[in-house]
C-alpha cells in the first residue's frame, strides 16, 4: 500500500497553498478545529526539527498514544529517549527510512505510544497539580526552594 504524509495544524493559508503546490504527493490539511481525529487515524507522528526547543504538539501525540519519530533533541525536557517512548534519529534520511521500515510493525508502534504515555501521564494529572497548587497557595513551603506563598486579604 505505501506510506503517505499528512501535514495538519495551525498554518497560514498562503503557506498551505505553497506547500500543496511544491509537494503534490503530500496531503497538506492545514488548520483544523480539532486535531484529535487526525491523531486517531495516524500511525506515526513526526517531529522532524528542533527549532525553538521543546515541541508542545508532542503532548497531543503522547496523550493520543501516537508513537513519535523525531530528530534527536526534538523532545528535550521529557523523560523520553530513543527506544523508550520515542524513536530519535540524527538525520531526516534515517528518520524516513525508519518510518518506512516500521510503519506496519503495530506491536512496536503501540509499545512506543503506550510507553510515552506512561512516562508522562502522572506529570500532567490536573487533579494532583490542582491539589499541589492549593497547598502552595495556602502557605505551605515549596520543597525545592523554601519559598512560601501566602494569600493576604
Protein backbone atom coordinates (compact mmCIF):
# COMPACT_ATOMS: atom_id res chain seq x y z
CA UNK A 1 0.00 0.00 0.00
CA UNK A 2 2.76 2.50 0.84
CA UNK A 3 3.29 5.36 3.24
CA UNK A 4 1.61 8.74 2.94
CA UNK A 5 2.40 12.01 4.65
CA UNK A 6 -0.27 14.33 6.03
CA UNK A 7 0.52 17.77 7.47
CA UNK A 8 -2.12 19.02 9.90
CA UNK A 9 -2.03 22.04 12.17
CA UNK A 10 -2.17 25.77 12.60
CA UNK A 11 -0.70 27.22 9.42
CA UNK A 12 -1.26 30.34 7.36
CA UNK A 13 -3.42 29.53 4.34
CA UNK A 14 -0.89 31.06 1.92
CA UNK A 15 1.78 28.70 3.27
CA UNK A 16 -0.60 25.74 2.95
CA UNK A 17 -1.15 26.64 -0.70
CA UNK A 18 2.58 26.90 -1.35
CA UNK A 19 3.21 23.51 0.28
CA UNK A 20 0.44 21.89 -1.78
CA UNK A 21 1.98 23.22 -4.99
CA UNK A 22 5.52 22.24 -4.03
CA UNK A 23 4.65 18.78 -2.67
CA UNK A 24 1.58 17.46 -4.54
CA UNK A 25 2.01 13.94 -3.11
CA UNK A 26 1.67 15.26 0.47
CA UNK A 27 -1.79 15.90 1.92
CA UNK A 28 -1.48 19.35 3.46
CA UNK A 29 -4.58 19.90 5.57
CA UNK A 30 -3.53 23.00 7.49
CA UNK A 31 -5.55 24.45 10.35
CA UNK A 32 -8.31 22.26 11.80
CA UNK A 33 -10.72 22.86 14.70
CA UNK A 34 -9.74 19.60 16.42
CA UNK A 35 -6.52 17.64 15.86
CA UNK A 36 -7.73 14.52 17.68
CA UNK A 37 -9.48 12.81 14.73
CA UNK A 38 -6.29 13.11 12.69
CA UNK A 39 -4.19 11.71 15.53
CA UNK A 40 -6.54 8.76 15.94
CA UNK A 41 -6.12 7.83 12.26
CA UNK A 42 -2.33 8.28 12.12
CA UNK A 43 0.26 5.56 12.66
CA UNK A 44 3.29 7.73 13.46
CA UNK A 45 3.77 11.38 14.39
CA UNK A 46 6.86 13.12 13.09
CA UNK A 47 8.78 15.81 14.96
CA UNK A 48 11.39 16.50 12.27
CA UNK A 49 13.07 19.57 13.74
CA UNK A 50 14.47 21.06 16.92
CA UNK A 51 13.88 24.70 16.07
CA UNK A 52 12.60 26.55 19.10
CA UNK A 53 13.23 23.78 21.65
CA UNK A 54 10.50 21.52 23.00
CA UNK A 55 7.50 20.95 20.76
CA UNK A 56 4.21 21.41 22.61
CA UNK A 57 2.49 19.43 19.84
CA UNK A 58 4.32 16.40 21.19
CA UNK A 59 1.82 16.37 24.07
CA UNK A 60 -1.04 15.94 21.59
CA UNK A 61 0.76 12.90 20.21
CA UNK A 62 1.76 11.46 23.58
CA UNK A 63 -1.66 11.81 25.18
CA UNK A 64 -3.22 10.43 21.99
CA UNK A 65 -0.83 7.47 22.40
CA UNK A 66 0.56 8.11 18.93
CA UNK A 67 4.18 6.97 18.57
CA UNK A 68 6.64 9.73 17.77
CA UNK A 69 9.63 9.55 15.46
CA UNK A 70 11.81 12.64 15.59
CA UNK A 71 15.19 14.24 15.24
CA UNK A 72 17.48 13.98 18.27
CA UNK A 73 16.69 16.82 20.66
CA UNK A 74 13.09 17.23 19.46
CA UNK A 75 11.53 16.40 22.84
CA UNK A 76 14.09 17.79 25.25
CA UNK A 77 12.77 18.26 28.74
CA UNK A 78 10.84 14.98 28.75
CA UNK A 79 11.83 11.56 30.07
CA UNK A 80 11.59 10.12 26.56
CA UNK A 81 14.71 8.69 24.96
CA UNK A 82 15.40 6.68 21.83
CA UNK A 83 13.55 3.37 22.12
CA UNK A 84 11.89 4.46 25.37
CA UNK A 85 8.64 6.09 24.28
CA UNK A 86 10.06 7.56 21.10
CA UNK A 87 12.40 6.85 18.18
CA UNK A 88 15.06 9.50 17.60
CA UNK A 89 17.37 9.94 14.62
CA UNK A 90 20.36 12.08 13.71
CA UNK A 91 19.17 12.78 10.15
CA UNK A 92 15.99 13.18 8.16
CA UNK A 93 17.09 10.34 5.91
CA UNK A 94 17.44 7.93 8.84
CA UNK A 95 14.07 9.09 10.19
CA UNK A 96 12.34 8.49 6.82
CA UNK A 97 13.90 5.05 6.38
CA UNK A 98 12.84 4.01 9.88
CA UNK A 99 9.27 5.20 9.29
CA UNK A 100 9.11 3.07 6.13
CA UNK A 101 10.65 0.08 7.92
CA UNK A 102 8.40 0.34 11.00
CA UNK A 103 5.03 1.57 9.64
CA UNK A 104 3.50 -1.94 9.69
CA UNK A 105 5.05 -3.06 12.99
CA UNK A 106 2.00 -2.32 15.10
CA UNK A 107 3.44 -4.04 18.19
CA UNK A 108 6.45 -1.70 18.22
CA UNK A 109 4.33 1.36 17.45
CA UNK A 110 1.82 0.51 20.17
CA UNK A 111 4.62 -0.09 22.68
CA UNK A 112 6.23 3.28 21.88
CA UNK A 113 2.91 5.14 22.23
CA UNK A 114 1.94 3.44 25.48
CA UNK A 115 5.42 3.88 26.98
CA UNK A 116 5.46 7.61 26.21
CA UNK A 117 2.02 7.99 27.78
CA UNK A 118 3.03 6.05 30.89
CA UNK A 119 6.18 8.16 31.30
CA UNK A 120 4.28 11.46 31.14
CA UNK A 121 0.70 10.87 32.31
CA UNK A 122 1.46 11.33 36.02
CA UNK A 123 3.31 14.59 35.35
CA UNK A 124 0.20 16.18 33.84
CA UNK A 125 -2.59 14.96 36.07
CA UNK A 126 -4.55 18.15 36.65
CA UNK A 127 -6.21 16.82 39.81
CA UNK A 128 -2.86 16.40 41.57
CA UNK A 129 -1.47 19.62 40.04
CA UNK A 130 -4.52 21.47 41.36
CA UNK A 131 -4.13 19.97 44.85
CA UNK A 132 -0.45 20.92 44.86
CA UNK A 133 -1.26 24.46 43.75
CA UNK A 134 -3.87 24.88 46.50
CA UNK A 135 -1.41 23.58 49.12
CA UNK A 136 1.18 26.06 47.96
CA UNK A 137 -1.26 28.96 47.88
CA UNK A 138 -2.35 28.17 51.45
CA UNK A 139 1.16 28.83 52.66
CA UNK A 140 2.91 25.51 52.72
CA UNK A 141 6.59 25.84 51.88
CA UNK A 142 7.77 24.86 48.44
CA UNK A 143 10.05 21.84 48.89
CA UNK A 144 12.82 22.81 46.47
CA UNK A 145 13.26 26.47 47.32
CA UNK A 146 11.77 27.00 50.74
CA UNK A 147 9.74 29.93 49.38
CA UNK A 148 6.29 30.32 50.92
CA UNK A 149 3.34 31.71 49.02
CA UNK A 150 0.77 33.45 51.20
CA UNK A 151 -2.51 34.99 50.15
CA UNK A 152 -3.28 38.23 52.00
CA UNK A 153 -6.72 39.74 52.30
